Amino acid sequence: MRERIPCSVPFCGRTVRAKGRDTEIICGKHWRMASADLRRAHSKLYRAYRRKFGDNGWWNYPGGSPERIECLGLARQCYGAWDAVKRDAIERAGGL
């Protein structure tokens, strides 16, 4: 496992320690560059997911169960919001 995770914005150079983190991050400088509306939407979805399911992933529920379907739907919304924030941060860092 890597010891450091680089910022998702190309040519940024900032890193964070990998222990206990996901596989991609956006450094604080570039996080603040992203649209506040997108950041807020991502944070609300992530909080809703953590409040409802905690650390459990959708794979911990039996296939086809209502809990798994709900968990997977909310997880996909979180992933989509993360991708939107990341895309916006990269575009703004590049001057677009």
PDB file of N, CA and C in Angstrom:
ATOM      1  N   MET A   1       0.833  -1.174   0.000  1.00  0.00           N
ATOM      2  CA  MET A   1       0.000   0.000   0.000  1.00  0.00           C
ATOM      3  C   MET A   1       0.886   1.249   0.000  1.00  0.00           C
ATOM      4  N   ARG A   2       0.415   2.255  -0.722  1.00  0.00           N
ATOM      5  CA  ARG A   2       1.182   3.491  -0.768  1.00  0.00           C
ATOM      6  C   ARG A   2       1.123   4.204   0.575  1.00  0.00           C
ATOM      7  N   GLU A   3       2.162   4.943   0.855  1.00  0.00           N
ATOM      8  CA  GLU A   3       2.189   5.684   2.107  1.00  0.00           C
ATOM      9  C   GLU A   3       1.546   7.053   1.967  1.00  0.00           C
ATOM     10  N   ARG A   4       1.516   7.616   0.755  1.00  0.00           N
ATOM     11  CA  ARG A   4       0.958   8.934   0.527  1.00  0.00           C
ATOM     12  C   ARG A   4      -0.031   8.875  -0.630  1.00  0.00           C
ATOM     13  N   ILE A   5      -1.076   9.703  -0.567  1.00  0.00           N
ATOM     14  CA  ILE A   5      -2.055   9.797  -1.643  1.00  0.00           C
ATOM     15  C   ILE A   5      -1.958  11.202  -2.228  1.00  0.00           C
ATOM     16  N   PRO A   6      -1.727  11.331  -3.539  1.00  0.00           N
ATOM     17  CA  PRO A   6      -1.611  12.662  -4.134  1.00  0.00           C
ATOM     18  C   PRO A   6      -2.985  13.294  -4.376  1.00  0.00           C
ATOM     19  N   CYS A   7      -2.987  14.601  -4.472  1.00  0.00           N
ATOM     20  CA  CYS A   7      -4.204  15.340  -4.808  1.00  0.00           C
ATOM     21  C   CYS A   7      -4.672  14.914  -6.196  1.00  0.00           C
ATOM     22  N   SER A   8      -5.985  14.885  -6.404  1.00  0.00           N
ATOM     23  CA  SER A   8      -6.548  14.443  -7.677  1.00  0.00           C
ATOM     24  C   SER A   8      -6.349  15.457  -8.800  1.00  0.00           C
ATOM     25  N   VAL A   9      -5.992  16.683  -8.458  1.00  0.00           N
ATOM     26  CA  VAL A   9      -5.760  17.710  -9.471  1.00  0.00           C
ATOM     27  C   VAL A   9      -4.371  17.491 -10.063  1.00  0.00           C
ATOM     28  N   PRO A  10      -4.287  17.366 -11.388  1.00  0.00           N
ATOM     29  CA  PRO A  10      -2.986  17.110 -12.018  1.00  0.00           C
ATOM     30  C   PRO A  10      -1.965  18.207 -11.709  1.00  0.00           C
ATOM     31  N   PHE A  11      -0.737  17.798 -11.479  1.00  0.00           N
ATOM     32  CA  PHE A  11       0.410  18.673 -11.237  1.00  0.00           C
ATOM     33  C   PHE A  11       0.304  19.462  -9.934  1.00  0.00           C
ATOM     34  N   CYS A  12      -0.531  19.019  -9.003  1.00  0.00           N
ATOM     35  CA  CYS A  12      -0.667  19.727  -7.731  1.00  0.00           C
ATOM     36  C   CYS A  12       0.539  19.459  -6.843  1.00  0.00           C
ATOM     37  N   GLY A  13       0.871  18.214  -6.625  1.00  0.00           N
ATOM     38  CA  GLY A  13       2.031  17.878  -5.811  1.00  0.00           C
ATOM     39  C   GLY A  13       1.752  17.719  -4.326  1.00  0.00           C
ATOM     40  N   ARG A  14       0.580  18.118  -3.848  1.00  0.00           N
ATOM     41  CA  ARG A  14       0.254  17.951  -2.437  1.00  0.00           C
ATOM     42  C   ARG A  14      -0.188  16.511  -2.178  1.00  0.00           C
ATOM     43  N   THR A  15       0.157  16.006  -1.014  1.00  0.00           N
ATOM     44  CA  THR A  15      -0.191  14.634  -0.652  1.00  0.00           C
ATOM     45  C   THR A  15      -0.700  14.592   0.779  1.00  0.00           C
ATOM     46  N   VAL A  16      -1.358  13.489   1.120  1.00  0.00           N
ATOM     47  CA  VAL A  16      -1.773  13.222   2.498  1.00  0.00           C
ATOM     48  C   VAL A  16      -1.373  11.799   2.839  1.00  0.00           C
ATOM     49  N   ARG A  17      -1.289  11.522   4.123  1.00  0.00           N
ATOM     50  CA  ARG A  17      -0.963  10.175   4.569  1.00  0.00           C
ATOM     51  C   ARG A  17      -2.091   9.225   4.202  1.00  0.00           C
ATOM     52  N   ALA A  18      -1.771   8.041   3.724  1.00  0.00           N
ATOM     53  CA  ALA A  18      -2.758   7.106   3.199  1.00  0.00           C
ATOM     54  C   ALA A  18      -3.521   6.351   4.273  1.00  0.00           C
ATOM     55  N   LYS A  19      -2.995   6.268   5.474  1.00  0.00           N
ATOM     56  CA  LYS A  19      -3.606   5.428   6.500  1.00  0.00           C
ATOM     57  C   LYS A  19      -5.025   5.900   6.842  1.00  0.00           C
ATOM     58  N   GLY A  20      -5.995   5.000   6.659  1.00  0.00           N
ATOM     59  CA  GLY A  20      -7.375   5.288   7.011  1.00  0.00           C
ATOM     60  C   GLY A  20      -8.097   6.202   6.047  1.00  0.00           C
ATOM     61  N   ARG A  21      -7.597   6.360   4.846  1.00  0.00           N
ATOM     62  CA  ARG A  21      -8.224   7.251   3.864  1.00  0.00           C
ATOM     63  C   ARG A  21      -8.673   6.477   2.641  1.00  0.00           C
ATOM     64  N   ASP A  22      -9.486   7.153   1.847  1.00  0.00           N
ATOM     65  CA  ASP A  22      -9.915   6.582   0.576  1.00  0.00           C
ATOM     66  C   ASP A  22      -8.752   6.610  -0.410  1.00  0.00           C
ATOM     67  N   THR A  23      -9.042   6.296  -1.649  1.00  0.00           N
ATOM     68  CA  THR A  23      -7.976   6.207  -2.636  1.00  0.00           C
ATOM     69  C   THR A  23      -7.706   7.524  -3.339  1.00  0.00           C
ATOM     70  N   GLU A  24      -8.611   8.491  -3.259  1.00  0.00           N
ATOM     71  CA  GLU A  24      -8.333   9.783  -3.868  1.00  0.00           C
ATOM     72  C   GLU A  24      -8.786  10.906  -2.950  1.00  0.00           C
ATOM     73  N   ILE A  25      -8.073  12.013  -3.051  1.00  0.00           N
ATOM     74  CA  ILE A  25      -8.377  13.178  -2.228  1.00  0.00           C
ATOM     75  C   ILE A  25      -8.282  14.423  -3.099  1.00  0.00           C
ATOM     76  N   ILE A  26      -8.806  15.507  -2.588  1.00  0.00           N
ATOM     77  CA  ILE A  26      -8.592  16.821  -3.166  1.00  0.00           C
ATOM     78  C   ILE A  26      -8.014  17.659  -2.043  1.00  0.00           C
ATOM     79  N   CYS A  27      -6.864  18.269  -2.271  1.00  0.00           N
ATOM     80  CA  CYS A  27      -6.223  19.055  -1.215  1.00  0.00           C
ATOM     81  C   CYS A  27      -7.105  20.252  -0.855  1.00  0.00           C
ATOM     82  N   GLY A  28      -6.825  20.848   0.278  1.00  0.00           N
ATOM     83  CA  GLY A  28      -7.635  21.956   0.763  1.00  0.00           C
ATOM     84  C   GLY A  28      -7.674  23.141  -0.178  1.00  0.00           C
ATOM     85  N   LYS A  29      -6.558  23.428  -0.799  1.00  0.00           N
ATOM     86  CA  LYS A  29      -6.490  24.554  -1.736  1.00  0.00           C
ATOM     87  C   LYS A  29      -7.449  24.344  -2.907  1.00  0.00           C
ATOM     88  N   HIS A  30      -7.430  23.160  -3.485  1.00  0.00           N
ATOM     89  CA  HIS A  30      -8.282  22.892  -4.643  1.00  0.00           C
ATOM     90  C   HIS A  30      -9.724  22.609  -4.233  1.00  0.00           C
ATOM     91  N   TRP A  31      -9.930  22.074  -3.024  1.00  0.00           N
ATOM     92  CA  TRP A  31     -11.293  21.860  -2.529  1.00  0.00           C
ATOM     93  C   TRP A  31     -12.031  23.185  -2.448  1.00  0.00           C
ATOM     94  N   ARG A  32     -11.355  24.210  -1.951  1.00  0.00           N
ATOM     95  CA  ARG A  32     -11.993  25.524  -1.833  1.00  0.00           C
ATOM     96  C   ARG A  32     -12.228  26.170  -3.192  1.00  0.00           C
ATOM     97  N   MET A  33     -11.493  25.759  -4.223  1.00  0.00           N
ATOM     98  CA  MET A  33     -11.703  26.298  -5.570  1.00  0.00           C
ATOM     99  C   MET A  33     -12.999  25.787  -6.194  1.00  0.00           C
ATOM    100  N   ALA A  34     -13.430  24.599  -5.799  1.00  0.00           N
ATOM    101  CA  ALA A  34     -14.643  24.000  -6.377  1.00  0.00           C
ATOM    102  C   ALA A  34     -15.869  24.799  -5.936  1.00  0.00           C
ATOM    103  N   SER A  35     -16.913  24.678  -6.704  1.00  0.00           N
ATOM    104  CA  SER A  35     -18.153  25.394  -6.422  1.00  0.00           C
ATOM    105  C   SER A  35     -18.693  25.034  -5.039  1.00  0.00           C
ATOM    106  N   ALA A  36     -19.135  26.035  -4.306  1.00  0.00           N
ATOM    107  CA  ALA A  36     -19.672  25.806  -2.964  1.00  0.00           C
ATOM    108  C   ALA A  36     -20.942  24.957  -3.029  1.00  0.00           C
ATOM    109  N   ASP A  37     -21.737  25.119  -4.061  1.00  0.00           N
ATOM    110  CA  ASP A  37     -22.959  24.324  -4.201  1.00  0.00           C
ATOM    111  C   ASP A  37     -22.643  22.843  -4.391  1.00  0.00           C
ATOM    112  N   LEU A  38     -21.640  22.541  -5.201  1.00  0.00           N
ATOM    113  CA  LEU A  38     -21.253  21.152  -5.422  1.00  0.00           C
ATOM    114  C   LEU A  38     -20.669  20.547  -4.154  1.00  0.00           C
ATOM    115  N   ARG A  39     -19.830  21.319  -3.458  1.00  0.00           N
ATOM    116  CA  ARG A  39     -19.247  20.817  -2.216  1.00  0.00           C
ATOM    117  C   ARG A  39     -20.324  20.547  -1.177  1.00  0.00           C
ATOM    118  N   ARG A  40     -21.290  21.454  -1.084  1.00  0.00           N
ATOM    119  CA  ARG A  40     -22.378  21.300  -0.120  1.00  0.00           C
ATOM    120  C   ARG A  40     -23.223  20.070  -0.444  1.00  0.00           C
ATOM    121  N   ALA A  41     -23.527  19.865  -1.725  1.00  0.00           N
ATOM    122  CA  ALA A  41     -24.318  18.700  -2.135  1.00  0.00           C
ATOM    123  C   ALA A  41     -23.585  17.408  -1.799  1.00  0.00           C
ATOM    124  N   HIS A  42     -22.278  17.365  -2.069  1.00  0.00           N
ATOM    125  CA  HIS A  42     -21.496  16.175  -1.743  1.00  0.00           C
ATOM    126  C   HIS A  42     -21.493  15.925  -0.245  1.00  0.00           C
ATOM    127  N   SER A  43     -21.287  16.966   0.539  1.00  0.00           N
ATOM    128  CA  SER A  43     -21.230  16.805   1.994  1.00  0.00           C
ATOM    129  C   SER A  43     -22.564  16.326   2.559  1.00  0.00           C
ATOM    130  N   LYS A  44     -23.673  16.854   2.029  1.00  0.00           N
ATOM    131  CA  LYS A  44     -24.986  16.425   2.510  1.00  0.00           C
ATOM    132  C   LYS A  44     -25.239  14.961   2.188  1.00  0.00           C
ATOM    133  N   LEU A  45     -24.887  14.534   0.974  1.00  0.00           N
ATOM    134  CA  LEU A  45     -25.079  13.144   0.591  1.00  0.00           C
ATOM    135  C   LEU A  45     -24.190  12.223   1.426  1.00  0.00           C
ATOM    136  N   TYR A  46     -22.951  12.620   1.635  1.00  0.00           N
ATOM    137  CA  TYR A  46     -22.024  11.794   2.405  1.00  0.00           C
ATOM    138  C   TYR A  46     -22.489  11.659   3.856  1.00  0.00           C
ATOM    139  N   ARG A  47     -22.951  12.768   4.438  1.00  0.00           N
ATOM    140  CA  ARG A  47     -23.465  12.707   5.811  1.00  0.00           C
ATOM    141  C   ARG A  47     -24.694  11.820   5.898  1.00  0.00           C
ATOM    142  N   ALA A  48     -25.584  11.921   4.905  1.00  0.00           N
ATOM    143  CA  ALA A  48     -26.790  11.082   4.901  1.00  0.00           C
ATOM    144  C   ALA A  48     -26.410   9.604   4.808  1.00  0.00           C
ATOM    145  N   TYR A  49     -25.430   9.287   3.974  1.00  0.00           N
ATOM    146  CA  TYR A  49     -24.973   7.897   3.842  1.00  0.00           C
ATOM    147  C   TYR A  49     -24.387   7.399   5.148  1.00  0.00           C
ATOM    148  N   ARG A  50     -23.498   8.180   5.766  1.00  0.00           N
ATOM    149  CA  ARG A  50     -22.866   7.760   7.019  1.00  0.00           C
ATOM    150  C   ARG A  50     -23.878   7.645   8.153  1.00  0.00           C
ATOM    151  N   ARG A  51     -24.864   8.545   8.179  1.00  0.00           N
ATOM    152  CA  ARG A  51     -25.878   8.503   9.230  1.00  0.00           C
ATOM    153  C   ARG A  51     -26.743   7.252   9.091  1.00  0.00           C
ATOM    154  N   LYS A  52     -27.088   6.893   7.861  1.00  0.00           N
ATOM    155  CA  LYS A  52     -27.987   5.768   7.618  1.00  0.00           C
ATOM    156  C   LYS A  52     -27.264   4.419   7.701  1.00  0.00           C
ATOM    157  N   PHE A  53     -26.058   4.332   7.113  1.00  0.00           N
ATOM    158  CA  PHE A  53     -25.392   3.037   6.975  1.00  0.00           C
ATOM    159  C   PHE A  53     -24.067   2.929   7.721  1.00  0.00           C
ATOM    160  N   GLY A  54     -23.570   3.991   8.277  1.00  0.00           N
ATOM    161  CA  GLY A  54     -22.310   3.943   9.017  1.00  0.00           C
ATOM    162  C   GLY A  54     -21.155   3.555   8.107  1.00  0.00           C
ATOM    163  N   ASP A  55     -20.336   2.632   8.562  1.00  0.00           N
ATOM    164  CA  ASP A  55     -19.190   2.165   7.776  1.00  0.00           C
ATOM    165  C   ASP A  55     -19.536   0.984   6.874  1.00  0.00           C
ATOM    166  N   ASN A  56     -20.779   0.517   6.917  1.00  0.00           N
ATOM    167  CA  ASN A  56     -21.174  -0.622   6.097  1.00  0.00           C
ATOM    168  C   ASN A  56     -21.267  -0.220   4.633  1.00  0.00           C
ATOM    169  N   GLY A  57     -20.678  -1.037   3.784  1.00  0.00           N
ATOM    170  CA  GLY A  57     -20.818  -0.840   2.354  1.00  0.00           C
ATOM    171  C   GLY A  57     -22.019  -1.619   1.845  1.00  0.00           C
ATOM    172  N   TRP A  58     -22.433  -1.338   0.629  1.00  0.00           N
ATOM    173  CA  TRP A  58     -23.602  -2.015   0.070  1.00  0.00           C
ATOM    174  C   TRP A  58     -23.386  -3.517  -0.040  1.00  0.00           C
ATOM    175  N   TRP A  59     -22.126  -3.946  -0.138  1.00  0.00           N
ATOM    176  CA  TRP A  59     -21.822  -5.377  -0.277  1.00  0.00           C
ATOM    177  C   TRP A  59     -22.076  -6.167   1.008  1.00  0.00           C
ATOM    178  N   ASN A  60     -22.317  -5.486   2.111  1.00  0.00           N
ATOM    179  CA  ASN A  60     -22.581  -6.171   3.380  1.00  0.00           C
ATOM    180  C   ASN A  60     -24.031  -6.608   3.520  1.00  0.00           C
ATOM    181  N   TYR A  61     -24.882  -6.224   2.595  1.00  0.00           N
ATOM    182  CA  TYR A  61     -26.301  -6.580   2.661  1.00  0.00           C
ATOM    183  C   TYR A  61     -26.602  -7.680   1.648  1.00  0.00           C
ATOM    184  N   PRO A  62     -27.601  -8.528   1.931  1.00  0.00           N
ATOM    185  CA  PRO A  62     -27.932  -9.611   0.990  1.00  0.00           C
ATOM    186  C   PRO A  62     -28.386  -9.055  -0.363  1.00  0.00           C
ATOM    187  N   GLY A  63     -28.032  -9.760  -1.411  1.00  0.00           N
ATOM    188  CA  GLY A  63     -28.393  -9.327  -2.749  1.00  0.00           C
ATOM    189  C   GLY A  63     -29.898  -9.182  -2.936  1.00  0.00           C
ATOM    190  N   GLY A  64     -30.318  -8.053  -3.504  1.00  0.00           N
ATOM    191  CA  GLY A  64     -31.725  -7.816  -3.780  1.00  0.00           C
ATOM    192  C   GLY A  64     -32.530  -7.306  -2.599  1.00  0.00           C
ATOM    193  N   SER A  65     -31.921  -7.192  -1.437  1.00  0.00           N
ATOM    194  CA  SER A  65     -32.667  -6.720  -0.266  1.00  0.00           C
ATOM    195  C   SER A  65     -32.906  -5.213  -0.381  1.00  0.00           C
ATOM    196  N   PRO A  66     -33.981  -4.723   0.220  1.00  0.00           N
ATOM    197  CA  PRO A  66     -34.258  -3.283   0.161  1.00  0.00           C
ATOM    198  C   PRO A  66     -33.126  -2.444   0.754  1.00  0.00           C
ATOM    199  N   GLU A  67     -32.462  -2.962   1.800  1.00  0.00           N
ATOM    200  CA  GLU A  67     -31.354  -2.226   2.402  1.00  0.00           C
ATOM    201  C   GLU A  67     -30.198  -2.067   1.416  1.00  0.00           C
ATOM    202  N   ARG A  68     -29.894  -3.149   0.686  1.00  0.00           N
ATOM    203  CA  ARG A  68     -28.795  -3.084  -0.277  1.00  0.00           C
ATOM    204  C   ARG A  68     -29.129  -2.132  -1.416  1.00  0.00           C
ATOM    205  N   ILE A  69     -30.351  -2.175  -1.893  1.00  0.00           N
ATOM    206  CA  ILE A  69     -30.750  -1.291  -2.989  1.00  0.00           C
ATOM    207  C   ILE A  69     -30.672   0.167  -2.552  1.00  0.00           C
ATOM    208  N   GLU A  70     -31.166   0.457  -1.342  1.00  0.00           N
ATOM    209  CA  GLU A  70     -31.119   1.826  -0.837  1.00  0.00           C
ATOM    210  C   GLU A  70     -29.682   2.285  -0.612  1.00  0.00           C
ATOM    211  N   CYS A  71     -28.870   1.422  -0.032  1.00  0.00           N
ATOM    212  CA  CYS A  71     -27.472   1.746   0.238  1.00  0.00           C
ATOM    213  C   CYS A  71     -26.711   1.984  -1.063  1.00  0.00           C
ATOM    214  N   LEU A  72     -26.915   1.134  -2.047  1.00  0.00           N
ATOM    215  CA  LEU A  72     -26.231   1.267  -3.325  1.00  0.00           C
ATOM    216  C   LEU A  72     -26.659   2.543  -4.044  1.00  0.00           C
ATOM    217  N   GLY A  73     -27.944   2.858  -3.981  1.00  0.00           N
ATOM    218  CA  GLY A  73     -28.426   4.090  -4.613  1.00  0.00           C
ATOM    219  C   GLY A  73     -27.795   5.329  -3.995  1.00  0.00           C
ATOM    220  N   LEU A  74     -27.721   5.368  -2.679  1.00  0.00           N
ATOM    221  CA  LEU A  74     -27.123   6.513  -2.001  1.00  0.00           C
ATOM    222  C   LEU A  74     -25.616   6.567  -2.243  1.00  0.00           C
ATOM    223  N   ALA A  75     -24.969   5.403  -2.292  1.00  0.00           N
ATOM    224  CA  ALA A  75     -23.529   5.367  -2.575  1.00  0.00           C
ATOM    225  C   ALA A  75     -23.251   5.889  -3.981  1.00  0.00           C
ATOM    226  N   ARG A  76     -24.066   5.524  -4.948  1.00  0.00           N
ATOM    227  CA  ARG A  76     -23.870   6.020  -6.313  1.00  0.00           C
ATOM    228  C   ARG A  76     -24.069   7.523  -6.400  1.00  0.00           C
ATOM    229  N   GLN A  77     -25.021   8.048  -5.645  1.00  0.00           N
ATOM    230  CA  GLN A  77     -25.207   9.492  -5.614  1.00  0.00           C
ATOM    231  C   GLN A  77     -23.978  10.183  -5.015  1.00  0.00           C
ATOM    232  N   CYS A  78     -23.415   9.587  -3.974  1.00  0.00           N
ATOM    233  CA  CYS A  78     -22.198  10.143  -3.357  1.00  0.00           C
ATOM    234  C   CYS A  78     -21.038  10.125  -4.345  1.00  0.00           C
ATOM    235  N   TYR A  79     -20.868   9.007  -5.063  1.00  0.00           N
ATOM    236  CA  TYR A  79     -19.792   8.921  -6.050  1.00  0.00           C
ATOM    237  C   TYR A  79     -19.976   9.957  -7.155  1.00  0.00           C
ATOM    238  N   GLY A  80     -21.202  10.138  -7.599  1.00  0.00           N
ATOM    239  CA  GLY A  80     -21.479  11.130  -8.636  1.00  0.00           C
ATOM    240  C   GLY A  80     -21.183  12.544  -8.155  1.00  0.00           C
ATOM    241  N   ALA A  81     -21.554  12.850  -6.913  1.00  0.00           N
ATOM    242  CA  ALA A  81     -21.281  14.172  -6.356  1.00  0.00           C
ATOM    243  C   ALA A  81     -19.780  14.388  -6.209  1.00  0.00           C
ATOM    244  N   TRP A  82     -19.047  13.347  -5.779  1.00  0.00           N
ATOM    245  CA  TRP A  82     -17.593  13.451  -5.659  1.00  0.00           C
ATOM    246  C   TRP A  82     -16.973  13.727  -7.025  1.00  0.00           C
ATOM    247  N   ASP A  83     -17.425  13.009  -8.055  1.00  0.00           N
ATOM    248  CA  ASP A  83     -16.891  13.218  -9.400  1.00  0.00           C
ATOM    249  C   ASP A  83     -17.164  14.634  -9.895  1.00  0.00           C
ATOM    250  N   ALA A  84     -18.332  15.177  -9.567  1.00  0.00           N
ATOM    251  CA  ALA A  84     -18.665  16.539  -9.980  1.00  0.00           C
ATOM    252  C   ALA A  84     -17.753  17.549  -9.288  1.00  0.00           C
ATOM    253  N   VAL A  85     -17.504  17.362  -7.996  1.00  0.00           N
ATOM    254  CA  VAL A  85     -16.608  18.269  -7.265  1.00  0.00           C
ATOM    255  C   VAL A  85     -15.195  18.162  -7.825  1.00  0.00           C
ATOM    256  N   LYS A  86     -14.740  16.941  -8.067  1.00  0.00           N
ATOM    257  CA  LYS A  86     -13.386  16.732  -8.590  1.00  0.00           C
ATOM    258  C   LYS A  86     -13.234  17.362  -9.978  1.00  0.00           C
ATOM    259  N   ARG A  87     -14.219  17.153 -10.836  1.00  0.00           N
ATOM    260  CA  ARG A  87     -14.178  17.730 -12.175  1.00  0.00           C
ATOM    261  C   ARG A  87     -14.132  19.264 -12.106  1.00  0.00           C
ATOM    262  N   ASP A  88     -14.957  19.842 -11.232  1.00  0.00           N
ATOM    263  CA  ASP A  88     -14.994  21.299 -11.098  1.00  0.00           C
ATOM    264  C   ASP A  88     -13.677  21.833 -10.557  1.00  0.00           C
ATOM    265  N   ALA A  89     -13.088  21.157  -9.579  1.00  0.00           N
ATOM    266  CA  ALA A  89     -11.811  21.591  -9.006  1.00  0.00           C
ATOM    267  C   ALA A  89     -10.707  21.525 -10.058  1.00  0.00           C
ATOM    268  N   ILE A  90     -10.692  20.473 -10.866  1.00  0.00           N
ATOM    269  CA  ILE A  90      -9.674  20.342 -11.904  1.00  0.00           C
ATOM    270  C   ILE A  90      -9.843  21.434 -12.965  1.00  0.00           C
ATOM    271  N   GLU A  91     -11.081  21.701 -13.363  1.00  0.00           N
ATOM    272  CA  GLU A  91     -11.339  22.732 -14.360  1.00  0.00           C
ATOM    273  C   GLU A  91     -10.939  24.110 -13.855  1.00  0.00           C
ATOM    274  N   ARG A  92     -11.285  24.406 -12.616  1.00  0.00           N
ATOM    275  CA  ARG A  92     -10.945  25.731 -12.078  1.00  0.00           C
ATOM    276  C   ARG A  92      -9.447  25.871 -11.848  1.00  0.00           C
ATOM    277  N   ALA A  93      -8.780  24.798 -11.471  1.00  0.00           N
ATOM    278  CA  ALA A  93      -7.327  24.854 -11.284  1.00  0.00           C
ATOM    279  C   ALA A  93      -6.624  25.058 -12.634  1.00  0.00           C
ATOM    280  N   GLY A  94      -7.218  24.521 -13.689  1.00  0.00           N
ATOM    281  CA  GLY A  94      -6.658  24.672 -15.025  1.00  0.00           C
ATOM    282  C   GLY A  94      -7.028  25.987 -15.690  1.00  0.00           C
ATOM    283  N   GLY A  95      -7.872  26.771 -15.037  1.00  0.00           N
ATOM    284  CA  GLY A  95      -8.249  28.072 -15.583  1.00  0.00           C
ATOM    285  C   GLY A  95      -9.410  28.016 -16.562  1.00  0.00           C
ATOM    286  N   LEU A  96     -10.189  26.973 -16.520  1.00  0.00           N
ATOM    287  CA  LEU A  96     -11.319  26.866 -17.445  1.00  0.00           C
ATOM    288  C   LEU A  96     -12.585  27.451 -16.861  1.00  0.00           C
TER     289      LEU A  96
END
